[in-house]
Amino acid sequence: MSTNEEARVGAAPVRRPDPFRWLWYAYGGGLPARYSPWVLHDTTCRTWWLRHVLRAIVQIAPFAIAIVVLVPGPLWLRMMCALGGAIMGLIFSVSYLHETAEHRLVKAGYPLGTGPAKRAERTAEKDAAAAERYAARYRTPPEG
């Protein structure tokens, strides 16, 4: 989290939830208000979509393991069933990526539209910095 983001959040330190609370959060549960800045960071940072996929894998894993362990039949068939189900679950999860992130932010107490606005702001800052680097490199007249 950058210094600007900390100032906007109110200079509150971003507290990560413990593993049990994170697991609760990964399965769709809400976190106490003290974790709201972390939820904002989690759903708007540069790797927010990767974090979403990781949560989806954590949600799918117990079912895939149960299929492999408990369903009778050849191991290759159980593995293929678990893999097919996991792929379908990930496709479904990724298709609702933005909506899920926005829902997490609303549950954390942020107004609707906060996620897309923060990600657009971050992208605009990154684009402005890239434009400055480009201008500094290619727009300065050669000396001599």
C-alpha atoms as a PDB file:
ATOM      1  CA  MET A   1       0.000   0.000   0.000  1.00  0.00           C
ATOM      2  CA  SER A   2       1.463   3.342  -1.002  1.00  0.00           C
ATOM      3  CA  THR A   3       1.755   6.385   1.239  1.00  0.00           C
ATOM      4  CA  ASN A   4      -1.123   8.071  -0.616  1.00  0.00           C
ATOM      5  CA  GLU A   5      -3.373   5.075   0.020  1.00  0.00           C
ATOM      6  CA  GLU A   6      -2.493   5.035   3.725  1.00  0.00           C
ATOM      7  CA  ALA A   7      -3.384   8.729   3.966  1.00  0.00           C
ATOM      8  CA  ARG A   8      -6.725   8.125   2.234  1.00  0.00           C
ATOM      9  CA  VAL A   9      -7.574   5.180   4.456  1.00  0.00           C
ATOM     10  CA  GLY A  10      -6.975   7.405   7.465  1.00  0.00           C
ATOM     11  CA  ALA A  11      -3.402   6.366   8.252  1.00  0.00           C
ATOM     12  CA  ALA A  12      -4.774   3.268   9.966  1.00  0.00           C
ATOM     13  CA  PRO A  13      -2.337   0.383   9.783  1.00  0.00           C
ATOM     14  CA  VAL A  14      -3.443  -2.376   7.475  1.00  0.00           C
ATOM     15  CA  ARG A  15      -3.942  -5.441   9.659  1.00  0.00           C
ATOM     16  CA  ARG A  16      -3.934  -8.829   7.983  1.00  0.00           C
ATOM     17  CA  PRO A  17      -6.421 -11.328   9.340  1.00  0.00           C
ATOM     18  CA  ASP A  18      -5.104 -14.427  11.074  1.00  0.00           C
ATOM     19  CA  PRO A  19      -5.291 -17.710   9.111  1.00  0.00           C
ATOM     20  CA  PHE A  20      -8.666 -18.721  10.555  1.00  0.00           C
ATOM     21  CA  ARG A  21     -10.254 -15.361   9.779  1.00  0.00           C
ATOM     22  CA  TRP A  22      -8.693 -15.436   6.300  1.00  0.00           C
ATOM     23  CA  LEU A  23     -10.230 -18.864   5.723  1.00  0.00           C
ATOM     24  CA  TRP A  24     -13.589 -17.503   6.864  1.00  0.00           C
ATOM     25  CA  TYR A  25     -13.113 -14.557   4.492  1.00  0.00           C
ATOM     26  CA  ALA A  26     -12.079 -16.878   1.639  1.00  0.00           C
ATOM     27  CA  TYR A  27     -15.331 -18.789   2.030  1.00  0.00           C
ATOM     28  CA  GLY A  28     -17.358 -15.555   1.850  1.00  0.00           C
ATOM     29  CA  GLY A  29     -17.603 -14.582   5.494  1.00  0.00           C
ATOM     30  CA  GLY A  30     -17.345 -11.002   6.666  1.00  0.00           C
ATOM     31  CA  LEU A  31     -14.471  -9.646   8.713  1.00  0.00           C
ATOM     32  CA  PRO A  32     -14.621  -7.213  11.657  1.00  0.00           C
ATOM     33  CA  ALA A  33     -14.378  -3.502  10.818  1.00  0.00           C
ATOM     34  CA  ARG A  34     -10.716  -3.314  11.873  1.00  0.00           C
ATOM     35  CA  TYR A  35      -9.831  -5.385   8.775  1.00  0.00           C
ATOM     36  CA  SER A  36     -11.655  -3.072   6.332  1.00  0.00           C
ATOM     37  CA  PRO A  37      -8.433  -1.398   5.093  1.00  0.00           C
ATOM     38  CA  TRP A  38      -6.997  -4.854   4.400  1.00  0.00           C
ATOM     39  CA  VAL A  39     -10.136  -5.865   2.460  1.00  0.00           C
ATOM     40  CA  LEU A  40      -9.749  -2.687   0.391  1.00  0.00           C
ATOM     41  CA  HIS A  41      -6.117  -3.548  -0.282  1.00  0.00           C
ATOM     42  CA  ASP A  42      -6.971  -7.185  -1.007  1.00  0.00           C
ATOM     43  CA  THR A  43      -9.566  -6.289  -3.635  1.00  0.00           C
ATOM     44  CA  THR A  44      -7.774  -3.365  -5.286  1.00  0.00           C
ATOM     45  CA  CYS A  45      -4.036  -4.083  -5.179  1.00  0.00           C
ATOM     46  CA  ARG A  46      -2.030  -4.948  -8.287  1.00  0.00           C
ATOM     47  CA  THR A  47      -2.515  -8.690  -7.762  1.00  0.00           C
ATOM     48  CA  TRP A  48      -6.162  -8.555  -6.689  1.00  0.00           C
ATOM     49  CA  TRP A  49      -7.311 -10.968  -9.403  1.00  0.00           C
ATOM     50  CA  LEU A  50      -4.602 -13.463  -8.447  1.00  0.00           C
ATOM     51  CA  ARG A  51      -5.747 -13.300  -4.835  1.00  0.00           C
ATOM     52  CA  HIS A  52      -9.290 -14.006  -6.015  1.00  0.00           C
ATOM     53  CA  VAL A  53      -8.124 -17.098  -7.914  1.00  0.00           C
ATOM     54  CA  LEU A  54      -6.223 -18.306  -4.828  1.00  0.00           C
ATOM     55  CA  ARG A  55      -9.381 -17.950  -2.719  1.00  0.00           C
ATOM     56  CA  ALA A  56     -11.324 -19.904  -5.356  1.00  0.00           C
ATOM     57  CA  ILE A  57      -8.746 -22.703  -5.265  1.00  0.00           C
ATOM     58  CA  VAL A  58      -9.020 -22.814  -1.464  1.00  0.00           C
ATOM     59  CA  GLN A  59     -12.813 -23.096  -1.811  1.00  0.00           C
ATOM     60  CA  ILE A  60     -12.630 -25.871  -4.422  1.00  0.00           C
ATOM     61  CA  ALA A  61      -9.806 -27.944  -2.884  1.00  0.00           C
ATOM     62  CA  PRO A  62     -11.823 -29.772  -0.184  1.00  0.00           C
ATOM     63  CA  PHE A  63     -14.357 -30.963  -2.756  1.00  0.00           C
ATOM     64  CA  ALA A  64     -11.660 -32.113  -5.159  1.00  0.00           C
ATOM     65  CA  ILE A  65      -9.886 -33.980  -2.359  1.00  0.00           C
ATOM     66  CA  ALA A  66     -13.163 -35.575  -1.259  1.00  0.00           C
ATOM     67  CA  ILE A  67     -13.807 -36.784  -4.809  1.00  0.00           C
ATOM     68  CA  VAL A  68     -10.352 -38.345  -5.063  1.00  0.00           C
ATOM     69  CA  VAL A  69     -10.501 -39.953  -1.613  1.00  0.00           C
ATOM     70  CA  LEU A  70     -14.135 -40.980  -1.200  1.00  0.00           C
ATOM     71  CA  VAL A  71     -15.547 -41.798  -4.632  1.00  0.00           C
ATOM     72  CA  PRO A  72     -15.011 -45.418  -5.704  1.00  0.00           C
ATOM     73  CA  GLY A  73     -13.387 -46.206  -9.024  1.00  0.00           C
ATOM     74  CA  PRO A  74     -10.033 -46.078 -10.743  1.00  0.00           C
ATOM     75  CA  LEU A  75      -7.671 -43.375  -9.513  1.00  0.00           C
ATOM     76  CA  TRP A  76      -7.269 -41.838 -12.974  1.00  0.00           C
ATOM     77  CA  LEU A  77     -11.049 -41.409 -13.259  1.00  0.00           C
ATOM     78  CA  ARG A  78     -11.335 -39.826  -9.804  1.00  0.00           C
ATOM     79  CA  MET A  79      -8.443 -37.470 -10.616  1.00  0.00           C
ATOM     80  CA  MET A  80     -10.031 -36.468 -13.927  1.00  0.00           C
ATOM     81  CA  CYS A  81     -13.388 -35.847 -12.247  1.00  0.00           C
ATOM     82  CA  ALA A  82     -11.750 -33.703  -9.578  1.00  0.00           C
ATOM     83  CA  LEU A  83      -9.734 -31.795 -12.187  1.00  0.00           C
ATOM     84  CA  GLY A  84     -12.785 -31.236 -14.399  1.00  0.00           C
ATOM     85  CA  GLY A  85     -14.827 -29.985 -11.464  1.00  0.00           C
ATOM     86  CA  ALA A  86     -12.006 -27.702 -10.330  1.00  0.00           C
ATOM     87  CA  ILE A  87     -11.630 -26.219 -13.814  1.00  0.00           C
ATOM     88  CA  MET A  88     -15.381 -25.590 -14.047  1.00  0.00           C
ATOM     89  CA  GLY A  89     -15.365 -24.010 -10.601  1.00  0.00           C
ATOM     90  CA  LEU A  90     -12.457 -21.733 -11.540  1.00  0.00           C
ATOM     91  CA  ILE A  91     -14.160 -20.696 -14.788  1.00  0.00           C
ATOM     92  CA  PHE A  92     -17.301 -19.793 -12.847  1.00  0.00           C
ATOM     93  CA  SER A  93     -15.293 -17.964 -10.187  1.00  0.00           C
ATOM     94  CA  VAL A  94     -13.266 -15.924 -12.685  1.00  0.00           C
ATOM     95  CA  SER A  95     -16.400 -14.999 -14.628  1.00  0.00           C
ATOM     96  CA  TYR A  96     -17.724 -13.250 -11.491  1.00  0.00           C
ATOM     97  CA  LEU A  97     -14.386 -11.772 -10.451  1.00  0.00           C
ATOM     98  CA  HIS A  98     -15.439  -8.106 -10.389  1.00  0.00           C
ATOM     99  CA  GLU A  99     -18.811  -8.726  -8.757  1.00  0.00           C
ATOM    100  CA  THR A 100     -17.290 -10.854  -5.999  1.00  0.00           C
ATOM    101  CA  ALA A 101     -14.619  -8.251  -5.229  1.00  0.00           C
ATOM    102  CA  GLU A 102     -17.231  -5.498  -5.126  1.00  0.00           C
ATOM    103  CA  HIS A 103     -19.448  -7.574  -2.828  1.00  0.00           C
ATOM    104  CA  ARG A 104     -16.521  -8.097  -0.440  1.00  0.00           C
ATOM    105  CA  LEU A 105     -15.931  -4.334  -0.328  1.00  0.00           C
ATOM    106  CA  VAL A 106     -19.593  -3.579   0.347  1.00  0.00           C
ATOM    107  CA  LYS A 107     -19.584  -6.147   3.193  1.00  0.00           C
ATOM    108  CA  ALA A 108     -16.502  -4.380   4.589  1.00  0.00           C
ATOM    109  CA  GLY A 109     -18.433  -1.091   4.717  1.00  0.00           C
ATOM    110  CA  TYR A 110     -17.275   0.634   1.523  1.00  0.00           C
ATOM    111  CA  PRO A 111     -19.772   2.249  -0.857  1.00  0.00           C
ATOM    112  CA  LEU A 112     -20.713   0.507  -4.088  1.00  0.00           C
ATOM    113  CA  GLY A 113     -18.199   1.308  -6.838  1.00  0.00           C
ATOM    114  CA  THR A 114     -15.176   1.664  -4.567  1.00  0.00           C
ATOM    115  CA  GLY A 115     -13.271  -1.239  -6.143  1.00  0.00           C
ATOM    116  CA  PRO A 116     -13.447  -0.132  -9.776  1.00  0.00           C
ATOM    117  CA  ALA A 117     -12.710   3.472  -8.752  1.00  0.00           C
ATOM    118  CA  LYS A 118      -9.592   2.510  -6.760  1.00  0.00           C
ATOM    119  CA  ARG A 119      -8.313   0.226  -9.522  1.00  0.00           C
ATOM    120  CA  ALA A 120      -8.916   2.934 -12.141  1.00  0.00           C
ATOM    121  CA  GLU A 121      -7.096   5.458  -9.929  1.00  0.00           C
ATOM    122  CA  ARG A 122      -4.133   3.095  -9.573  1.00  0.00           C
ATOM    123  CA  THR A 123      -4.068   2.524 -13.336  1.00  0.00           C
ATOM    124  CA  ALA A 124      -4.217   6.277 -14.006  1.00  0.00           C
ATOM    125  CA  GLU A 125      -1.279   6.876 -11.639  1.00  0.00           C
ATOM    126  CA  LYS A 126       0.689   4.101 -13.335  1.00  0.00           C
ATOM    127  CA  ASP A 127      -0.120   5.505 -16.802  1.00  0.00           C
ATOM    128  CA  ALA A 128       0.903   9.024 -15.732  1.00  0.00           C
ATOM    129  CA  ALA A 129       4.208   7.740 -14.397  1.00  0.00           C
ATOM    130  CA  ALA A 130       4.824   5.824 -17.634  1.00  0.00           C
ATOM    131  CA  ALA A 131       4.022   8.949 -19.661  1.00  0.00           C
ATOM    132  CA  GLU A 132       6.523  10.946 -17.590  1.00  0.00           C
ATOM    133  CA  ARG A 133       9.218   8.340 -18.146  1.00  0.00           C
ATOM    134  CA  TYR A 134       8.478   8.315 -21.870  1.00  0.00           C
ATOM    135  CA  ALA A 135       8.582  12.102 -22.068  1.00  0.00           C
ATOM    136  CA  ALA A 136      11.835  12.254 -20.118  1.00  0.00           C
ATOM    137  CA  ARG A 137      13.454   9.697 -22.365  1.00  0.00           C
ATOM    138  CA  TYR A 138      12.219  10.593 -25.840  1.00  0.00           C
ATOM    139  CA  ARG A 139      10.919  14.169 -25.746  1.00  0.00           C
ATOM    140  CA  THR A 140      13.966  15.954 -24.406  1.00  0.00           C
ATOM    141  CA  PRO A 141      15.967  17.632 -27.124  1.00  0.00           C
ATOM    142  CA  PRO A 142      19.433  16.159 -27.597  1.00  0.00           C
ATOM    143  CA  GLU A 143      22.256  18.136 -26.062  1.00  0.00           C
ATOM    144  CA  GLY A 144      25.096  19.209 -28.200  1.00  0.00           C
END
